[in-house]
Amino acid sequence: MKLKDARHLSADAQEALRYRVINAIENGMSQSEAARVFSISRTAVHHWTKAVNEQGAKVTFPRKSGHFRRVDNRGERLLKKL
């Protein structure tokens, strides 16, 4: 079964989802069951749970703002010409 990617959600919605999942696990739900109920991967649940266990309940998850590519020497020369 192909899981729907949560990256289409807003950053606030993603954060709310993470906290709902963590709360469910802290209240006795297994990681596998949480993954099924919230339609996310078990790997994501594992990473979120691990982060909370290592960093505490107030863990913040980084928000990705896009992909950046490094400019090589040739690209830098071309940019300087502009």
C-alpha atoms as a PDB file:
ATOM      1  CA  MET A   1       0.000   0.000   0.000  1.00  0.00           C
ATOM      2  CA  LYS A   2       1.399   3.381  -1.014  1.00  0.00           C
ATOM      3  CA  LEU A   3       1.173   5.898   1.827  1.00  0.00           C
ATOM      4  CA  LYS A   4       0.223   9.489   1.122  1.00  0.00           C
ATOM      5  CA  ASP A   5       3.164  11.826   1.570  1.00  0.00           C
ATOM      6  CA  ALA A   6       2.623  14.339   4.390  1.00  0.00           C
ATOM      7  CA  ARG A   7       4.940  16.880   2.774  1.00  0.00           C
ATOM      8  CA  HIS A   8       1.925  18.346   0.969  1.00  0.00           C
ATOM      9  CA  LEU A   9       0.624  19.535   4.352  1.00  0.00           C
ATOM     10  CA  SER A  10       1.474  22.982   5.685  1.00  0.00           C
ATOM     11  CA  ALA A  11       4.328  23.178   8.187  1.00  0.00           C
ATOM     12  CA  ASP A  12       1.840  23.768  11.008  1.00  0.00           C
ATOM     13  CA  ALA A  13      -0.236  20.756   9.969  1.00  0.00           C
ATOM     14  CA  GLN A  14       2.894  18.581   9.818  1.00  0.00           C
ATOM     15  CA  GLU A  15       3.858  19.671  13.311  1.00  0.00           C
ATOM     16  CA  ALA A  16       0.337  18.969  14.606  1.00  0.00           C
ATOM     17  CA  LEU A  17       0.457  15.499  13.038  1.00  0.00           C
ATOM     18  CA  ARG A  18       3.799  14.737  14.727  1.00  0.00           C
ATOM     19  CA  TYR A  19       2.458  15.751  18.125  1.00  0.00           C
ATOM     20  CA  ARG A  20      -0.754  13.756  17.653  1.00  0.00           C
ATOM     21  CA  VAL A  21       1.293  10.667  16.768  1.00  0.00           C
ATOM     22  CA  ILE A  22       3.665  11.118  19.722  1.00  0.00           C
ATOM     23  CA  ASN A  23       0.719  11.688  22.075  1.00  0.00           C
ATOM     24  CA  ALA A  24      -0.974   8.504  20.856  1.00  0.00           C
ATOM     25  CA  ILE A  25       2.207   6.481  21.435  1.00  0.00           C
ATOM     26  CA  GLU A  26       2.710   7.990  24.897  1.00  0.00           C
ATOM     27  CA  ASN A  27      -0.853   6.906  25.717  1.00  0.00           C
ATOM     28  CA  GLY A  28      -0.165   3.285  24.853  1.00  0.00           C
ATOM     29  CA  MET A  29      -0.569   2.950  21.089  1.00  0.00           C
ATOM     30  CA  SER A  30       2.171   0.926  19.398  1.00  0.00           C
ATOM     31  CA  GLN A  31       4.345   2.570  16.768  1.00  0.00           C
ATOM     32  CA  SER A  32       3.007   0.203  14.109  1.00  0.00           C
ATOM     33  CA  GLU A  33      -0.588   0.967  15.029  1.00  0.00           C
ATOM     34  CA  ALA A  34       0.101   4.730  15.052  1.00  0.00           C
ATOM     35  CA  ALA A  35       1.602   4.463  11.575  1.00  0.00           C
ATOM     36  CA  ARG A  36      -1.522   2.656  10.366  1.00  0.00           C
ATOM     37  CA  VAL A  37      -4.009   4.980  12.100  1.00  0.00           C
ATOM     38  CA  PHE A  38      -2.341   8.199  10.937  1.00  0.00           C
ATOM     39  CA  SER A  39      -1.408   6.817   7.487  1.00  0.00           C
ATOM     40  CA  ILE A  40       2.308   7.503   7.811  1.00  0.00           C
ATOM     41  CA  SER A  41       5.352   5.288   7.550  1.00  0.00           C
ATOM     42  CA  ARG A  42       6.645   3.318  10.501  1.00  0.00           C
ATOM     43  CA  THR A  43      10.053   4.822   9.778  1.00  0.00           C
ATOM     44  CA  ALA A  44       8.691   8.353  10.317  1.00  0.00           C
ATOM     45  CA  VAL A  45       7.040   7.269  13.569  1.00  0.00           C
ATOM     46  CA  HIS A  46      10.306   5.713  14.718  1.00  0.00           C
ATOM     47  CA  HIS A  47      12.317   8.875  13.932  1.00  0.00           C
ATOM     48  CA  TRP A  48       9.811  11.145  15.680  1.00  0.00           C
ATOM     49  CA  THR A  49       9.657   8.899  18.754  1.00  0.00           C
ATOM     50  CA  LYS A  50      13.439   8.649  18.899  1.00  0.00           C
ATOM     51  CA  ALA A  51      13.787  12.452  18.685  1.00  0.00           C
ATOM     52  CA  VAL A  52      11.338  12.948  21.557  1.00  0.00           C
ATOM     53  CA  ASN A  53      13.069  10.296  23.668  1.00  0.00           C
ATOM     54  CA  GLU A  54      16.489  11.853  23.095  1.00  0.00           C
ATOM     55  CA  GLN A  55      15.586  15.553  23.198  1.00  0.00           C
ATOM     56  CA  GLY A  56      12.499  15.680  25.382  1.00  0.00           C
ATOM     57  CA  ALA A  57       8.871  16.590  24.849  1.00  0.00           C
ATOM     58  CA  LYS A  58       9.638  20.080  23.516  1.00  0.00           C
ATOM     59  CA  VAL A  59      11.665  18.778  20.573  1.00  0.00           C
ATOM     60  CA  THR A  60      11.438  20.925  17.474  1.00  0.00           C
ATOM     61  CA  PHE A  61      11.562  19.395  14.055  1.00  0.00           C
ATOM     62  CA  PRO A  62      13.441  21.322  11.381  1.00  0.00           C
ATOM     63  CA  ARG A  63      11.372  22.889   8.656  1.00  0.00           C
ATOM     64  CA  LYS A  64      12.862  22.413   5.252  1.00  0.00           C
ATOM     65  CA  SER A  65      12.666  25.481   3.087  1.00  0.00           C
ATOM     66  CA  GLY A  66      13.713  24.002  -0.225  1.00  0.00           C
ATOM     67  CA  HIS A  67      16.627  22.491  -1.991  1.00  0.00           C
ATOM     68  CA  PHE A  68      19.796  24.414  -2.585  1.00  0.00           C
ATOM     69  CA  ARG A  69      22.488  23.500  -5.027  1.00  0.00           C
ATOM     70  CA  ARG A  70      26.101  24.408  -4.619  1.00  0.00           C
ATOM     71  CA  VAL A  71      27.625  26.562  -7.295  1.00  0.00           C
ATOM     72  CA  ASP A  72      30.856  25.214  -8.717  1.00  0.00           C
ATOM     73  CA  ASN A  73      33.702  27.425 -10.016  1.00  0.00           C
ATOM     74  CA  ARG A  74      32.281  27.522 -13.528  1.00  0.00           C
ATOM     75  CA  GLY A  75      28.853  28.504 -12.248  1.00  0.00           C
ATOM     76  CA  GLU A  76      30.374  31.191 -10.053  1.00  0.00           C
ATOM     77  CA  ARG A  77      32.194  32.699 -13.055  1.00  0.00           C
ATOM     78  CA  LEU A  78      28.964  32.724 -15.057  1.00  0.00           C
ATOM     79  CA  LEU A  79      27.087  34.412 -12.212  1.00  0.00           C
ATOM     80  CA  LYS A  80      29.748  37.122 -11.940  1.00  0.00           C
ATOM     81  CA  LYS A  81      29.274  37.902 -15.638  1.00  0.00           C
ATOM     82  CA  LEU A  82      25.620  38.658 -15.003  1.00  0.00           C
END
